[in-house]
Amino acid sequence: MGASDDMPGLVQLAQELESILKLRTPPFGIKMFETVEAMNAIPRLRRPDAVHTTDQIVAQAARLGWTIGITADDLVNDQCRAVIGLARQDETWRSGEPFAGVWYATREDAAAHQAAMHCVPHGRYQAMVVSPVRSNRLAPPDIVLFYATPGAMIYFINGLQWSGYRRFDWSVVGESACADSWGRALATREPSLSLPCFAERRYGGVLDDEMLMAITPEDLEKALAGMRALSANGLRYPFAQYGIQQDARAGLGVSYGETSGKKASAS
């Protein structure tokens, strides 16, 4: 889906990310395939022996280290299939009927939720593979994903913003938050941060303090370059606590530049 096959050192970049952010689970990748035959050519590929949610498939790569491939038939419903482009986002799907009265008060609310979701367009892909980046089997993945705490996520975002600064505005669809992460990143190739939803936590084993980032390999490289620069400036993760009752001037002078310290002293 646009990533270059000669992306240098992605395995090393993923290992560096894991080390810098002290990740509990290693980064993993997602790659979409236009044919089942192309998916089946991936080395040491596992295929599900049961029907799953996409959250479970992702978790098997993230938590168990598996390389696992799926088609539409392996997923439990069209909500999972549609986000990754393996089912049509047709009128029935757009109605959100199963969600009305369960997650949303009315049919109109449920339909508005469906309309807010980022999904891969249907028709091009027949399969998806999820695999730990360290396995180097996707050569390269379309997107790289990782779970991290909020503190680690803001440091990663600071790295993305080091050079070529841009403000990030991320969406929260609520339930079906996979549309905010892998759905959005696959569809737009933009960095995509999400608050994992009920289904991801119940079926995907996501922990209470974990967020999910989905990003292209190119943007991962950019973020790591930024974090290296921040580290050279003494700004490192995890953040050392300064103390809620300490005089802030000395600390600010280090963290925000000498000018801030001098102004604080003058005041």
C-alpha atoms as a PDB file:
ATOM      1  CA  MET A   1       0.000   0.000   0.000  1.00  0.00           C
ATOM      2  CA  GLY A   2       2.754   2.421  -0.839  1.00  0.00           C
ATOM      3  CA  ALA A   3       5.643   1.508   1.473  1.00  0.00           C
ATOM      4  CA  SER A   4       8.959   0.968  -0.258  1.00  0.00           C
ATOM      5  CA  ASP A   5      10.336  -2.573  -0.357  1.00  0.00           C
ATOM      6  CA  ASP A   6      13.818  -1.228   0.401  1.00  0.00           C
ATOM      7  CA  MET A   7      12.874   0.542   3.640  1.00  0.00           C
ATOM      8  CA  PRO A   8      16.207   0.318   5.496  1.00  0.00           C
ATOM      9  CA  GLY A   9      16.617  -1.367   8.844  1.00  0.00           C
ATOM     10  CA  LEU A  10      12.966  -1.598   9.886  1.00  0.00           C
ATOM     11  CA  VAL A  11      13.727  -4.426  12.300  1.00  0.00           C
ATOM     12  CA  GLN A  12      16.434  -2.306  13.937  1.00  0.00           C
ATOM     13  CA  LEU A  13      14.110   0.702  14.073  1.00  0.00           C
ATOM     14  CA  ALA A  14      11.441  -1.381  15.800  1.00  0.00           C
ATOM     15  CA  GLN A  15      13.981  -2.670  18.315  1.00  0.00           C
ATOM     16  CA  GLU A  16      15.119   0.894  18.997  1.00  0.00           C
ATOM     17  CA  LEU A  17      11.511   1.975  19.526  1.00  0.00           C
ATOM     18  CA  GLU A  18      10.945  -0.905  21.930  1.00  0.00           C
ATOM     19  CA  SER A  19      14.037   0.089  23.906  1.00  0.00           C
ATOM     20  CA  ILE A  20      13.367   3.848  24.022  1.00  0.00           C
ATOM     21  CA  LEU A  21       9.720   3.572  25.055  1.00  0.00           C
ATOM     22  CA  LYS A  22      10.184   0.520  27.318  1.00  0.00           C
ATOM     23  CA  LEU A  23       7.389  -1.277  25.485  1.00  0.00           C
ATOM     24  CA  ARG A  24       5.760  -4.305  27.117  1.00  0.00           C
ATOM     25  CA  THR A  25       5.027  -5.870  23.730  1.00  0.00           C
ATOM     26  CA  PRO A  26       7.139  -5.462  20.591  1.00  0.00           C
ATOM     27  CA  PRO A  27       5.930  -3.477  17.570  1.00  0.00           C
ATOM     28  CA  PHE A  28       4.009  -5.426  14.944  1.00  0.00           C
ATOM     29  CA  GLY A  29       3.007  -4.822  11.365  1.00  0.00           C
ATOM     30  CA  ILE A  30      -0.078  -5.174   9.198  1.00  0.00           C
ATOM     31  CA  LYS A  31       0.023  -5.824   5.469  1.00  0.00           C
ATOM     32  CA  MET A  32      -2.940  -6.135   3.121  1.00  0.00           C
ATOM     33  CA  PHE A  33      -2.896  -8.600   0.213  1.00  0.00           C
ATOM     34  CA  GLU A  34      -4.792  -8.511  -3.048  1.00  0.00           C
ATOM     35  CA  THR A  35      -4.855 -12.313  -3.328  1.00  0.00           C
ATOM     36  CA  VAL A  36      -4.973 -15.224  -0.909  1.00  0.00           C
ATOM     37  CA  GLU A  37      -2.090 -16.810  -2.818  1.00  0.00           C
ATOM     38  CA  ALA A  38       0.140 -13.820  -2.038  1.00  0.00           C
ATOM     39  CA  MET A  39      -0.806 -14.055   1.633  1.00  0.00           C
ATOM     40  CA  ASN A  40      -0.040 -17.771   1.713  1.00  0.00           C
ATOM     41  CA  ALA A  41       3.482 -17.092   0.408  1.00  0.00           C
ATOM     42  CA  ILE A  42       4.457 -15.402   3.692  1.00  0.00           C
ATOM     43  CA  PRO A  43       6.939 -17.633   5.586  1.00  0.00           C
ATOM     44  CA  ARG A  44       5.727 -19.484   8.692  1.00  0.00           C
ATOM     45  CA  LEU A  45       2.212 -18.170   8.293  1.00  0.00           C
ATOM     46  CA  ARG A  46      -0.449 -19.345  10.725  1.00  0.00           C
ATOM     47  CA  ARG A  47      -4.104 -19.530   9.746  1.00  0.00           C
ATOM     48  CA  PRO A  48      -6.902 -19.369  12.335  1.00  0.00           C
ATOM     49  CA  ASP A  49      -8.639 -22.586  13.328  1.00  0.00           C
ATOM     50  CA  ALA A  50     -11.578 -20.642  14.823  1.00  0.00           C
ATOM     51  CA  VAL A  51     -13.647 -17.547  14.090  1.00  0.00           C
ATOM     52  CA  HIS A  52     -12.186 -14.399  15.669  1.00  0.00           C
ATOM     53  CA  THR A  53     -12.486 -10.653  15.940  1.00  0.00           C
ATOM     54  CA  THR A  54      -9.747  -8.626  14.267  1.00  0.00           C
ATOM     55  CA  ASP A  55      -8.736  -7.568  17.788  1.00  0.00           C
ATOM     56  CA  GLN A  56      -7.885 -11.180  18.594  1.00  0.00           C
ATOM     57  CA  ILE A  57      -5.878 -11.578  15.397  1.00  0.00           C
ATOM     58  CA  VAL A  58      -3.881  -8.436  16.208  1.00  0.00           C
ATOM     59  CA  ALA A  59      -3.350  -9.665  19.771  1.00  0.00           C
ATOM     60  CA  GLN A  60      -1.986 -12.997  18.579  1.00  0.00           C
ATOM     61  CA  ALA A  61       0.775 -11.127  16.762  1.00  0.00           C
ATOM     62  CA  ALA A  62       1.372  -8.535  19.495  1.00  0.00           C
ATOM     63  CA  ARG A  63       1.114 -10.776  22.568  1.00  0.00           C
ATOM     64  CA  LEU A  64       2.102 -14.219  21.239  1.00  0.00           C
ATOM     65  CA  GLY A  65       4.533 -13.263  18.473  1.00  0.00           C
ATOM     66  CA  TRP A  66       2.649 -15.109  15.749  1.00  0.00           C
ATOM     67  CA  THR A  67       2.543 -14.303  12.049  1.00  0.00           C
ATOM     68  CA  ILE A  68      -1.117 -14.826  11.262  1.00  0.00           C
ATOM     69  CA  GLY A  69      -3.104 -14.337   8.071  1.00  0.00           C
ATOM     70  CA  ILE A  70      -6.837 -13.961   7.633  1.00  0.00           C
ATOM     71  CA  THR A  71      -9.544 -13.623   5.010  1.00  0.00           C
ATOM     72  CA  ALA A  72     -13.086 -12.366   5.491  1.00  0.00           C
ATOM     73  CA  ASP A  73     -14.276 -15.860   6.430  1.00  0.00           C
ATOM     74  CA  ASP A  74     -12.021 -15.912   9.490  1.00  0.00           C
ATOM     75  CA  LEU A  75     -13.704 -12.869  11.066  1.00  0.00           C
ATOM     76  CA  VAL A  76     -16.832 -12.948  13.199  1.00  0.00           C
ATOM     77  CA  ASN A  77     -18.822 -10.174  11.521  1.00  0.00           C
ATOM     78  CA  ASP A  78     -18.896  -7.434   8.911  1.00  0.00           C
ATOM     79  CA  GLN A  79     -17.900  -4.770  11.437  1.00  0.00           C
ATOM     80  CA  CYS A  80     -14.458  -6.361  11.680  1.00  0.00           C
ATOM     81  CA  ARG A  81     -14.318  -7.111   7.961  1.00  0.00           C
ATOM     82  CA  ALA A  82     -15.357  -3.648   6.791  1.00  0.00           C
ATOM     83  CA  VAL A  83     -12.680  -1.740   8.722  1.00  0.00           C
ATOM     84  CA  ILE A  84      -9.934  -3.549   6.799  1.00  0.00           C
ATOM     85  CA  GLY A  85     -11.775  -3.528   3.479  1.00  0.00           C
ATOM     86  CA  LEU A  86     -12.778  -7.198   3.446  1.00  0.00           C
ATOM     87  CA  ALA A  87     -16.525  -6.440   3.407  1.00  0.00           C
ATOM     88  CA  ARG A  88     -18.639  -3.834   1.699  1.00  0.00           C
ATOM     89  CA  GLN A  89     -19.581  -0.756   3.657  1.00  0.00           C
ATOM     90  CA  ASP A  90     -23.065  -1.134   2.168  1.00  0.00           C
ATOM     91  CA  GLU A  91     -26.435   0.228   3.253  1.00  0.00           C
ATOM     92  CA  THR A  92     -26.961  -2.548   5.793  1.00  0.00           C
ATOM     93  CA  TRP A  93     -23.550  -1.944   7.337  1.00  0.00           C
ATOM     94  CA  ARG A  94     -23.987   1.825   7.320  1.00  0.00           C
ATOM     95  CA  SER A  95     -27.288   1.515   9.205  1.00  0.00           C
ATOM     96  CA  GLY A  96     -25.465   0.285  12.318  1.00  0.00           C
ATOM     97  CA  GLU A  97     -28.598  -1.673  13.218  1.00  0.00           C
ATOM     98  CA  PRO A  98     -26.902  -4.125  15.645  1.00  0.00           C
ATOM     99  CA  PHE A  99     -25.573  -1.201  17.709  1.00  0.00           C
ATOM    100  CA  ALA A 100     -28.893   0.588  18.158  1.00  0.00           C
ATOM    101  CA  GLY A 101     -30.178   0.213  21.708  1.00  0.00           C
ATOM    102  CA  VAL A 102     -26.936  -1.476  22.774  1.00  0.00           C
ATOM    103  CA  TRP A 103     -24.165   1.064  22.226  1.00  0.00           C
ATOM    104  CA  TYR A 104     -26.262   3.967  20.936  1.00  0.00           C
ATOM    105  CA  ALA A 105     -29.661   5.271  21.918  1.00  0.00           C
ATOM    106  CA  THR A 106     -31.254   5.359  18.477  1.00  0.00           C
ATOM    107  CA  ARG A 107     -30.810   4.011  14.963  1.00  0.00           C
ATOM    108  CA  GLU A 108     -29.781   7.505  13.907  1.00  0.00           C
ATOM    109  CA  ASP A 109     -27.005   7.522  16.514  1.00  0.00           C
ATOM    110  CA  ALA A 110     -25.810   4.094  15.382  1.00  0.00           C
ATOM    111  CA  ALA A 111     -25.767   5.168  11.726  1.00  0.00           C
ATOM    112  CA  ALA A 112     -23.842   8.328  12.623  1.00  0.00           C
ATOM    113  CA  HIS A 113     -21.232   6.157  14.359  1.00  0.00           C
ATOM    114  CA  GLN A 114     -20.790   3.991  11.273  1.00  0.00           C
ATOM    115  CA  ALA A 115     -20.420   7.070   9.083  1.00  0.00           C
ATOM    116  CA  ALA A 116     -17.678   8.412  11.378  1.00  0.00           C
ATOM    117  CA  MET A 117     -15.443   5.343  10.999  1.00  0.00           C
ATOM    118  CA  HIS A 118     -12.284   5.204   8.874  1.00  0.00           C
ATOM    119  CA  CYS A 119     -12.318   2.060   6.735  1.00  0.00           C
ATOM    120  CA  VAL A 120     -10.159   0.651   3.946  1.00  0.00           C
ATOM    121  CA  PRO A 121     -12.150   0.850   0.688  1.00  0.00           C
ATOM    122  CA  HIS A 122     -13.656  -2.488  -0.285  1.00  0.00           C
ATOM    123  CA  GLY A 123     -12.741  -4.343  -3.452  1.00  0.00           C
ATOM    124  CA  ARG A 124      -8.962  -4.354  -3.674  1.00  0.00           C
ATOM    125  CA  TYR A 125      -7.902  -6.738  -0.903  1.00  0.00           C
ATOM    126  CA  GLN A 126      -8.747 -10.333  -0.073  1.00  0.00           C
ATOM    127  CA  ALA A 127      -6.481 -10.955   2.915  1.00  0.00           C
ATOM    128  CA  MET A 128      -4.481  -9.436   5.754  1.00  0.00           C
ATOM    129  CA  VAL A 129      -1.378 -10.565   7.652  1.00  0.00           C
ATOM    130  CA  VAL A 130      -0.287  -9.370  11.086  1.00  0.00           C
ATOM    131  CA  SER A 131       3.249 -10.139  12.245  1.00  0.00           C
ATOM    132  CA  PRO A 132       5.856  -8.884  14.732  1.00  0.00           C
ATOM    133  CA  VAL A 133       8.202  -6.473  12.962  1.00  0.00           C
ATOM    134  CA  ARG A 134      11.188  -8.351  14.416  1.00  0.00           C
ATOM    135  CA  SER A 135      10.232 -11.421  12.346  1.00  0.00           C
ATOM    136  CA  ASN A 136      10.911  -9.414   9.134  1.00  0.00           C
ATOM    137  CA  ARG A 137       8.303 -11.386   7.157  1.00  0.00           C
ATOM    138  CA  LEU A 138       6.217  -8.600   5.626  1.00  0.00           C
ATOM    139  CA  ALA A 139       9.013  -6.816   3.701  1.00  0.00           C
ATOM    140  CA  PRO A 140       7.835  -4.247   4.785  1.00  0.00           C
ATOM    141  CA  PRO A 141       4.376  -3.949   6.409  1.00  0.00           C
ATOM    142  CA  ASP A 142       1.946  -1.306   5.218  1.00  0.00           C
ATOM    143  CA  ILE A 143       1.793   0.054   8.772  1.00  0.00           C
ATOM    144  CA  VAL A 144       3.607  -0.506  12.059  1.00  0.00           C
ATOM    145  CA  LEU A 145       1.642  -0.553  15.308  1.00  0.00           C
ATOM    146  CA  PHE A 146       2.553  -0.572  18.979  1.00  0.00           C
ATOM    147  CA  TYR A 147       0.822  -0.409  22.340  1.00  0.00           C
ATOM    148  CA  ALA A 148       2.213   2.006  24.915  1.00  0.00           C
ATOM    149  CA  THR A 149       1.293   4.039  27.965  1.00  0.00           C
ATOM    150  CA  PRO A 150       0.161   7.666  27.576  1.00  0.00           C
ATOM    151  CA  GLY A 151       3.579   8.907  28.749  1.00  0.00           C
ATOM    152  CA  ALA A 152       5.384   6.875  26.107  1.00  0.00           C
ATOM    153  CA  MET A 153       2.909   7.992  23.452  1.00  0.00           C
ATOM    154  CA  ILE A 154       3.432  11.703  24.071  1.00  0.00           C
ATOM    155  CA  TYR A 155       7.202  11.248  23.874  1.00  0.00           C
ATOM    156  CA  PHE A 156       6.778   9.416  20.548  1.00  0.00           C
ATOM    157  CA  ILE A 157       4.549  12.252  19.297  1.00  0.00           C
ATOM    158  CA  ASN A 158       7.152  14.794  20.468  1.00  0.00           C
ATOM    159  CA  GLY A 159       9.617  12.903  18.268  1.00  0.00           C
ATOM    160  CA  LEU A 160       7.269  13.123  15.286  1.00  0.00           C
ATOM    161  CA  GLN A 161       6.968  16.869  15.851  1.00  0.00           C
ATOM    162  CA  TRP A 162      10.696  17.574  16.251  1.00  0.00           C
ATOM    163  CA  SER A 163      11.215  18.322  12.570  1.00  0.00           C
ATOM    164  CA  GLY A 164       8.554  19.609  10.178  1.00  0.00           C
ATOM    165  CA  TYR A 165       6.211  20.389  13.040  1.00  0.00           C
ATOM    166  CA  ARG A 166       2.519  19.691  12.587  1.00  0.00           C
ATOM    167  CA  ARG A 167      -0.435  19.594  14.930  1.00  0.00           C
ATOM    168  CA  PHE A 168      -2.180  16.228  15.157  1.00  0.00           C
ATOM    169  CA  ASP A 169      -5.955  15.986  15.444  1.00  0.00           C
ATOM    170  CA  TRP A 170      -7.126  12.454  16.137  1.00  0.00           C
ATOM    171  CA  SER A 171     -10.661  11.140  16.208  1.00  0.00           C
ATOM    172  CA  VAL A 172     -12.420   8.994  18.778  1.00  0.00           C
ATOM    173  CA  VAL A 173     -15.315   7.006  17.350  1.00  0.00           C
ATOM    174  CA  GLY A 174     -15.872   5.205  20.658  1.00  0.00           C
ATOM    175  CA  GLU A 175     -16.759   1.567  20.099  1.00  0.00           C
ATOM    176  CA  SER A 176     -14.999   0.058  17.044  1.00  0.00           C
ATOM    177  CA  ALA A 177     -11.909   2.158  17.846  1.00  0.00           C
ATOM    178  CA  CYS A 178      -9.901  -0.024  15.456  1.00  0.00           C
ATOM    179  CA  ALA A 179     -11.220   2.448  12.870  1.00  0.00           C
ATOM    180  CA  ASP A 180      -9.193   5.137  14.665  1.00  0.00           C
ATOM    181  CA  SER A 181      -5.965   3.098  14.543  1.00  0.00           C
ATOM    182  CA  TRP A 182      -5.369   0.484  11.855  1.00  0.00           C
ATOM    183  CA  GLY A 183      -8.428   1.465   9.820  1.00  0.00           C
ATOM    184  CA  ARG A 184      -7.388   5.119   9.635  1.00  0.00           C
ATOM    185  CA  ALA A 185      -3.688   4.424   9.079  1.00  0.00           C
ATOM    186  CA  LEU A 186      -4.334   1.880   6.321  1.00  0.00           C
ATOM    187  CA  ALA A 187      -6.843   4.164   4.615  1.00  0.00           C
ATOM    188  CA  THR A 188      -4.934   7.462   4.918  1.00  0.00           C
ATOM    189  CA  ARG A 189      -1.289   6.536   5.703  1.00  0.00           C
ATOM    190  CA  GLU A 190      -1.411   9.178   8.443  1.00  0.00           C
ATOM    191  CA  PRO A 191      -0.122   8.621  12.006  1.00  0.00           C
ATOM    192  CA  SER A 192      -3.174   7.322  13.886  1.00  0.00           C
ATOM    193  CA  LEU A 193      -3.517   7.231  17.683  1.00  0.00           C
ATOM    194  CA  SER A 194      -6.448   5.513  19.387  1.00  0.00           C
ATOM    195  CA  LEU A 195      -7.988   4.816  22.758  1.00  0.00           C
ATOM    196  CA  PRO A 196      -8.655   1.081  22.418  1.00  0.00           C
ATOM    197  CA  CYS A 197     -12.320   0.259  22.880  1.00  0.00           C
ATOM    198  CA  PHE A 198     -14.307  -2.356  24.820  1.00  0.00           C
ATOM    199  CA  ALA A 199     -13.862  -5.008  22.126  1.00  0.00           C
ATOM    200  CA  GLU A 200     -10.087  -4.502  21.929  1.00  0.00           C
ATOM    201  CA  ARG A 201      -9.792  -4.813  25.702  1.00  0.00           C
ATOM    202  CA  ARG A 202     -12.245  -7.698  26.106  1.00  0.00           C
ATOM    203  CA  TYR A 203     -11.181  -9.742  23.079  1.00  0.00           C
ATOM    204  CA  GLY A 204      -7.744  -8.336  22.238  1.00  0.00           C
ATOM    205  CA  GLY A 205      -6.230  -8.367  25.733  1.00  0.00           C
ATOM    206  CA  VAL A 206      -5.394  -4.647  25.676  1.00  0.00           C
ATOM    207  CA  LEU A 207      -4.469  -3.410  29.161  1.00  0.00           C
ATOM    208  CA  ASP A 208      -6.205  -0.556  30.929  1.00  0.00           C
ATOM    209  CA  ASP A 209      -3.298   1.885  30.564  1.00  0.00           C
ATOM    210  CA  GLU A 210      -2.458   1.095  26.931  1.00  0.00           C
ATOM    211  CA  MET A 211      -3.024   3.256  23.863  1.00  0.00           C
ATOM    212  CA  LEU A 212      -2.393   2.182  20.274  1.00  0.00           C
ATOM    213  CA  MET A 213      -0.394   3.966  17.579  1.00  0.00           C
ATOM    214  CA  ALA A 214      -0.509   2.966  13.901  1.00  0.00           C
ATOM    215  CA  ILE A 215       2.061   4.562  11.620  1.00  0.00           C
ATOM    216  CA  THR A 216       3.866   4.044   8.320  1.00  0.00           C
ATOM    217  CA  PRO A 217       7.448   2.744   8.402  1.00  0.00           C
ATOM    218  CA  GLU A 218       8.609   6.092   7.028  1.00  0.00           C
ATOM    219  CA  ASP A 219       6.981   8.043   9.862  1.00  0.00           C
ATOM    220  CA  LEU A 220       8.375   5.592  12.408  1.00  0.00           C
ATOM    221  CA  GLU A 221      11.858   6.424  11.139  1.00  0.00           C
ATOM    222  CA  LYS A 222      11.050  10.151  11.396  1.00  0.00           C
ATOM    223  CA  ALA A 223       9.785   9.832  14.971  1.00  0.00           C
ATOM    224  CA  LEU A 224      12.877   7.916  16.061  1.00  0.00           C
ATOM    225  CA  ALA A 225      15.146  10.585  14.590  1.00  0.00           C
ATOM    226  CA  GLY A 226      13.194  13.153  16.596  1.00  0.00           C
ATOM    227  CA  MET A 227      13.421  11.166  19.823  1.00  0.00           C
ATOM    228  CA  ARG A 228      17.174  10.829  19.372  1.00  0.00           C
ATOM    229  CA  ALA A 229      17.399  14.627  19.094  1.00  0.00           C
ATOM    230  CA  LEU A 230      15.237  15.095  22.183  1.00  0.00           C
ATOM    231  CA  SER A 231      17.391  12.627  24.101  1.00  0.00           C
ATOM    232  CA  ALA A 232      20.531  14.557  23.133  1.00  0.00           C
ATOM    233  CA  ASN A 233      18.864  17.614  24.682  1.00  0.00           C
ATOM    234  CA  GLY A 234      18.342  15.734  27.937  1.00  0.00           C
ATOM    235  CA  LEU A 235      14.649  15.026  27.296  1.00  0.00           C
ATOM    236  CA  ARG A 236      14.272  11.280  27.776  1.00  0.00           C
ATOM    237  CA  TYR A 237      11.608   8.714  28.542  1.00  0.00           C
ATOM    238  CA  PRO A 238      10.592   7.750  31.186  1.00  0.00           C
ATOM    239  CA  PHE A 239      10.202  11.290  32.510  1.00  0.00           C
ATOM    240  CA  ALA A 240      11.942  11.891  35.822  1.00  0.00           C
ATOM    241  CA  GLN A 241       9.559  13.353  38.411  1.00  0.00           C
ATOM    242  CA  TYR A 242      10.622  16.835  39.527  1.00  0.00           C
ATOM    243  CA  GLY A 243       8.431  17.182  42.616  1.00  0.00           C
ATOM    244  CA  ILE A 244       5.125  18.988  42.971  1.00  0.00           C
ATOM    245  CA  GLN A 245       6.387  21.364  45.699  1.00  0.00           C
ATOM    246  CA  GLN A 246       9.864  22.170  44.387  1.00  0.00           C
ATOM    247  CA  ASP A 247      10.936  25.560  43.017  1.00  0.00           C
ATOM    248  CA  ALA A 248      10.356  25.056  39.302  1.00  0.00           C
ATOM    249  CA  ARG A 249      12.838  27.612  37.969  1.00  0.00           C
ATOM    250  CA  ALA A 250      15.924  25.413  37.790  1.00  0.00           C
ATOM    251  CA  GLY A 251      14.021  22.587  36.162  1.00  0.00           C
ATOM    252  CA  LEU A 252      12.367  24.837  33.606  1.00  0.00           C
ATOM    253  CA  GLY A 253      15.716  26.327  32.678  1.00  0.00           C
ATOM    254  CA  VAL A 254      16.935  22.865  31.694  1.00  0.00           C
ATOM    255  CA  SER A 255      13.776  21.492  30.057  1.00  0.00           C
ATOM    256  CA  TYR A 256      12.669  24.595  28.164  1.00  0.00           C
ATOM    257  CA  GLY A 257      15.947  26.412  27.511  1.00  0.00           C
ATOM    258  CA  GLU A 258      18.075  28.892  29.395  1.00  0.00           C
ATOM    259  CA  THR A 259      15.802  31.794  28.496  1.00  0.00           C
ATOM    260  CA  SER A 260      12.967  30.361  30.532  1.00  0.00           C
ATOM    261  CA  GLY A 261      15.248  29.917  33.530  1.00  0.00           C
ATOM    262  CA  LYS A 262      16.545  33.479  33.326  1.00  0.00           C
ATOM    263  CA  LYS A 263      13.074  34.928  33.050  1.00  0.00           C
ATOM    264  CA  ALA A 264      11.958  32.888  36.018  1.00  0.00           C
ATOM    265  CA  SER A 265      14.935  34.062  38.074  1.00  0.00           C
ATOM    266  CA  ALA A 266      14.339  37.695  37.112  1.00  0.00           C
ATOM    267  CA  SER A 267      10.767  37.486  38.241  1.00  0.00           C
END
